[in-house]
Amino acid sequence: MPLFGDDAAAETAPATPAPIADWQVHLLRKALDARQLGTMTERRQAIEAAAGRPVESLRALTHDEALKVLSTLGPAPTTQSGSPSAWDQRDEDTWIDRL
């Protein structure tokens, strides 16, 4: 319910979803590459599963859908080699160790 009556017209007009941004398309492609999804079929299945609807291309996603897909795909899990880092293998104490 509008407080002063001037918001009534804005409430009745349906909001059009914002289109996907170029930076989102770039991040989606990087996420798909990181998951080593090479074929278009694999990529489309991953996007459609995350978006929850059939998608013809990445440009068919809305801004909000792209955010949802990005959060679902996210960065690919990194594999830990089990070897310690150069920081862990240092011989001398650093100034922070001496504090």
Protein backbone atom coordinates (compact mmCIF):
# COMPACT_ATOMS: atom_id res chain seq x y z
CA MET A 1 0.00 0.00 0.00
CA PRO A 2 1.56 3.29 -1.05
CA LEU A 3 2.12 5.85 1.65
CA PHE A 4 1.32 8.98 -0.36
CA GLY A 5 -0.57 7.48 -3.31
CA ASP A 6 2.04 8.36 -5.93
CA ASP A 7 3.59 4.88 -5.92
CA ALA A 8 0.38 3.18 -7.07
CA ALA A 9 1.28 3.37 -10.76
CA ALA A 10 4.75 1.93 -10.13
CA GLU A 11 3.30 -1.05 -8.28
CA THR A 12 0.95 -2.03 -11.09
CA ALA A 13 3.55 -2.01 -13.88
CA PRO A 14 5.45 -5.29 -14.09
CA ALA A 15 9.20 -4.91 -13.80
CA THR A 16 11.21 -6.19 -16.73
CA PRO A 17 14.16 -8.28 -15.65
CA ALA A 18 17.55 -6.77 -16.35
CA PRO A 19 19.52 -8.48 -19.14
CA ILE A 20 22.72 -10.32 -18.43
CA ALA A 21 25.83 -8.14 -18.30
CA ASP A 22 28.97 -8.78 -20.33
CA TRP A 23 31.03 -9.36 -17.19
CA GLN A 24 28.58 -12.07 -16.12
CA VAL A 25 28.91 -13.85 -19.47
CA HIS A 26 32.69 -13.72 -19.09
CA LEU A 27 32.55 -15.16 -15.55
CA LEU A 28 30.12 -17.88 -16.60
CA ARG A 29 32.44 -18.96 -19.41
CA LYS A 30 35.38 -19.02 -17.00
CA ALA A 31 33.38 -21.11 -14.52
CA LEU A 32 32.45 -23.58 -17.24
CA ASP A 33 36.07 -23.78 -18.40
CA ALA A 34 37.24 -24.33 -14.82
CA ARG A 35 34.86 -27.25 -14.52
CA GLN A 36 36.33 -28.63 -17.76
CA LEU A 37 32.98 -28.68 -19.51
CA GLY A 38 34.13 -28.68 -23.12
CA THR A 39 31.16 -29.68 -25.20
CA MET A 40 28.20 -27.42 -25.77
CA THR A 41 25.88 -30.13 -24.48
CA GLU A 42 27.73 -30.35 -21.16
CA ARG A 43 27.80 -26.58 -20.82
CA ARG A 44 24.11 -26.22 -21.62
CA GLN A 45 23.15 -28.96 -19.14
CA ALA A 46 25.16 -27.29 -16.37
CA ILE A 47 23.65 -23.86 -17.07
CA GLU A 48 20.09 -25.22 -17.35
CA ALA A 49 20.45 -27.24 -14.15
CA ALA A 50 21.65 -24.16 -12.26
CA ALA A 51 19.10 -21.80 -13.85
CA GLY A 52 16.20 -24.22 -13.44
CA ARG A 53 14.90 -23.69 -16.97
CA PRO A 54 15.86 -24.36 -20.60
CA VAL A 55 18.33 -21.79 -21.93
CA GLU A 56 19.20 -21.24 -25.60
CA SER A 57 22.40 -19.30 -24.87
CA LEU A 58 24.09 -17.44 -22.06
CA ARG A 59 22.63 -14.18 -23.41
CA ALA A 60 19.13 -15.59 -22.78
CA LEU A 61 19.74 -15.44 -19.02
CA THR A 62 18.65 -12.47 -16.98
CA HIS A 63 20.96 -10.63 -14.61
CA ASP A 64 19.46 -12.37 -11.57
CA GLU A 65 19.57 -15.80 -13.21
CA ALA A 66 23.23 -15.28 -14.09
CA LEU A 67 24.00 -14.47 -10.46
CA LYS A 68 22.18 -17.63 -9.39
CA VAL A 69 24.07 -19.75 -11.93
CA LEU A 70 27.40 -18.20 -10.92
CA SER A 71 26.76 -18.92 -7.27
CA THR A 72 25.78 -22.49 -8.11
CA LEU A 73 28.71 -23.20 -10.42
CA GLY A 74 31.12 -21.03 -8.47
CA PRO A 75 34.81 -21.62 -8.71
CA ALA A 76 35.77 -25.20 -9.39
CA PRO A 77 37.14 -27.00 -6.36
CA THR A 78 40.89 -26.89 -6.32
CA THR A 79 42.84 -30.06 -5.85
CA GLN A 80 45.33 -30.05 -3.03
CA SER A 81 48.54 -31.77 -3.98
CA GLY A 82 49.39 -32.42 -0.36
CA SER A 83 52.78 -30.77 -0.70
CA PRO A 84 53.52 -27.89 1.65
CA SER A 85 53.93 -24.41 0.27
CA ALA A 86 57.18 -22.49 0.08
CA TRP A 87 55.97 -20.49 3.08
CA ASP A 88 55.64 -23.66 5.15
CA GLN A 89 59.06 -24.89 4.05
CA ARG A 90 60.99 -21.72 4.93
CA ASP A 91 64.14 -22.19 7.03
CA GLU A 92 64.36 -18.83 8.75
CA ASP A 93 61.91 -16.99 10.92
CA THR A 94 60.32 -13.91 9.45
CA TRP A 95 59.76 -10.69 11.32
CA ILE A 96 56.22 -11.79 12.05
CA ASP A 97 57.47 -15.04 13.61
CA ARG A 98 59.75 -13.06 15.91
CA LEU A 99 56.92 -10.97 17.33
